[in-house]
Amino acid sequence: DSMLSHLAAAGYAVWIDHELISGGDIWRARIVEAIENSDVFLLALSPNSVKSKYVLQELNIADGDEKPILPVVIATVEIPTEMKLQLSGLQAVILDVDDLSNIDMLYKSLNQLAK
């Protein structure tokens, strides 16, 4: 089971850009709308995600909209300089995607931020 399936099963409405944008949609607008309509911006941190210019843009949008940002470290990663300002002082959840036994910490963090 993936982190996303666990979140959905626990009753959280999960939106992820590569699953819910159909061909022909104006995908940039859909991503911005999803961020603007979210209660919490969950940022999955991995070596791949921190290299993505799109992830950085999404983080900037969430930060600009003053959305609560929840960093979730899913693989050992060094936070790049361009993300440090937005993530400064935020407590990250460490989540091993191969062993989701501690997913309750993620639920607790989401519940606190979504208030």
Protein backbone atom coordinates (compact mmCIF):
# COMPACT_ATOMS: atom_id res chain seq x y z
CA ASP A 1 0.00 0.00 0.00
CA SER A 2 1.20 3.48 -0.79
CA MET A 3 1.12 6.56 1.39
CA LEU A 4 -1.62 7.95 -0.86
CA SER A 5 -3.83 4.88 -0.52
CA HIS A 6 -3.41 4.99 3.27
CA LEU A 7 -4.40 8.66 3.33
CA ALA A 8 -7.44 8.04 1.14
CA ALA A 9 -8.49 5.04 3.25
CA ALA A 10 -8.25 7.21 6.37
CA GLY A 11 -10.71 9.66 4.82
CA TYR A 12 -8.39 12.37 3.54
CA ALA A 13 -9.20 13.88 0.16
CA VAL A 14 -5.96 13.43 -1.77
CA TRP A 15 -5.14 15.28 -4.98
CA ILE A 16 -2.01 14.43 -6.93
CA ASP A 17 -1.25 16.14 -10.21
CA HIS A 18 -0.22 13.19 -12.37
CA GLU A 19 -3.32 11.15 -11.54
CA LEU A 20 -6.13 13.66 -11.82
CA ILE A 21 -5.25 15.73 -14.87
CA SER A 22 -6.70 14.31 -18.04
CA GLY A 23 -5.35 14.91 -21.52
CA GLY A 24 -6.26 18.30 -22.87
CA ASP A 25 -6.65 19.90 -19.47
CA ILE A 26 -4.73 23.07 -18.85
CA TRP A 27 -2.55 21.27 -16.35
CA ARG A 28 -0.80 24.28 -14.85
CA ALA A 29 -4.13 25.90 -14.04
CA ARG A 30 -5.45 22.66 -12.54
CA ILE A 31 -2.40 22.37 -10.28
CA VAL A 32 -2.74 25.97 -9.09
CA GLU A 33 -6.47 25.46 -8.45
CA ALA A 34 -5.76 22.31 -6.46
CA ILE A 35 -3.19 24.09 -4.30
CA GLU A 36 -5.49 27.07 -3.77
CA ASN A 37 -8.37 24.77 -2.73
CA SER A 38 -6.30 22.60 -0.40
CA ASP A 39 -6.27 22.71 3.40
CA VAL A 40 -2.68 21.45 3.62
CA PHE A 41 0.14 21.23 1.07
CA LEU A 42 1.90 17.91 1.67
CA LEU A 43 5.38 18.01 0.16
CA ALA A 44 6.91 14.57 -0.37
CA LEU A 45 10.68 15.05 -0.17
CA SER A 46 12.98 12.72 -2.07
CA PRO A 47 16.08 13.15 -4.21
CA ASN A 48 13.84 13.33 -7.29
CA SER A 49 11.26 15.75 -5.92
CA VAL A 50 13.79 18.31 -4.70
CA LYS A 51 15.33 18.45 -8.19
CA SER A 52 12.00 19.16 -9.88
CA LYS A 53 11.40 22.75 -10.95
CA TYR A 54 7.67 22.01 -10.89
CA VAL A 55 7.76 20.88 -7.26
CA LEU A 56 9.60 24.09 -6.38
CA GLN A 57 6.99 26.15 -8.24
CA GLU A 58 4.18 24.32 -6.44
CA LEU A 59 5.90 24.93 -3.09
CA ASN A 60 6.22 28.62 -3.94
CA ILE A 61 2.51 28.82 -4.79
CA ALA A 62 1.50 27.10 -1.55
CA ASP A 63 3.79 29.38 0.44
CA GLY A 64 2.48 32.48 -1.36
CA ASP A 65 -1.09 31.41 -0.59
CA GLU A 66 -0.08 30.87 3.06
CA LYS A 67 -1.15 27.23 2.97
CA PRO A 68 0.10 25.07 5.81
CA ILE A 69 3.03 23.10 4.40
CA LEU A 70 3.76 19.61 5.67
CA PRO A 71 7.11 18.22 4.52
CA VAL A 72 7.20 14.43 4.46
CA VAL A 73 10.64 12.90 3.98
CA ILE A 74 10.13 9.68 2.01
CA ALA A 75 13.83 9.19 1.18
CA THR A 76 17.03 10.58 2.63
CA VAL A 77 17.51 13.96 1.02
CA GLU A 78 19.36 17.22 1.40
CA ILE A 79 17.05 20.21 1.15
CA PRO A 80 18.24 22.49 -1.66
CA THR A 81 18.89 26.14 -0.96
CA GLU A 82 15.89 27.27 -3.00
CA MET A 83 13.52 25.34 -0.69
CA LYS A 84 15.11 26.18 2.64
CA LEU A 85 13.26 29.46 3.21
CA GLN A 86 9.79 27.90 2.86
CA LEU A 87 10.72 24.83 4.90
CA SER A 88 12.67 26.66 7.61
CA GLY A 89 11.33 25.82 11.04
CA LEU A 90 8.79 23.26 9.80
CA GLN A 91 8.80 19.88 11.48
CA ALA A 92 9.04 17.18 8.84
CA VAL A 93 7.44 13.78 9.13
CA ILE A 94 9.87 10.98 8.34
CA LEU A 95 8.01 8.22 6.54
CA ASP A 96 9.55 5.07 5.15
CA VAL A 97 7.41 4.32 2.10
CA ASP A 98 8.31 0.63 2.40
CA ASP A 99 7.15 0.48 6.03
CA LEU A 100 4.18 2.72 6.76
CA SER A 101 3.83 1.55 10.36
CA ASN A 102 4.39 5.09 11.62
CA ILE A 103 1.79 6.69 9.34
CA ASP A 104 -0.16 7.76 12.43
CA MET A 105 2.39 10.58 12.83
CA LEU A 106 1.42 11.81 9.38
CA TYR A 107 -2.30 11.69 10.28
CA LYS A 108 -1.64 13.59 13.50
CA SER A 109 0.33 16.28 11.69
CA LEU A 110 -2.32 16.66 8.98
CA ASN A 111 -5.08 16.96 11.57
CA GLN A 112 -3.18 19.68 13.44
CA LEU A 113 -2.47 21.68 10.28
CA ALA A 114 -5.93 21.37 8.72
CA LYS A 115 -7.65 23.21 11.56
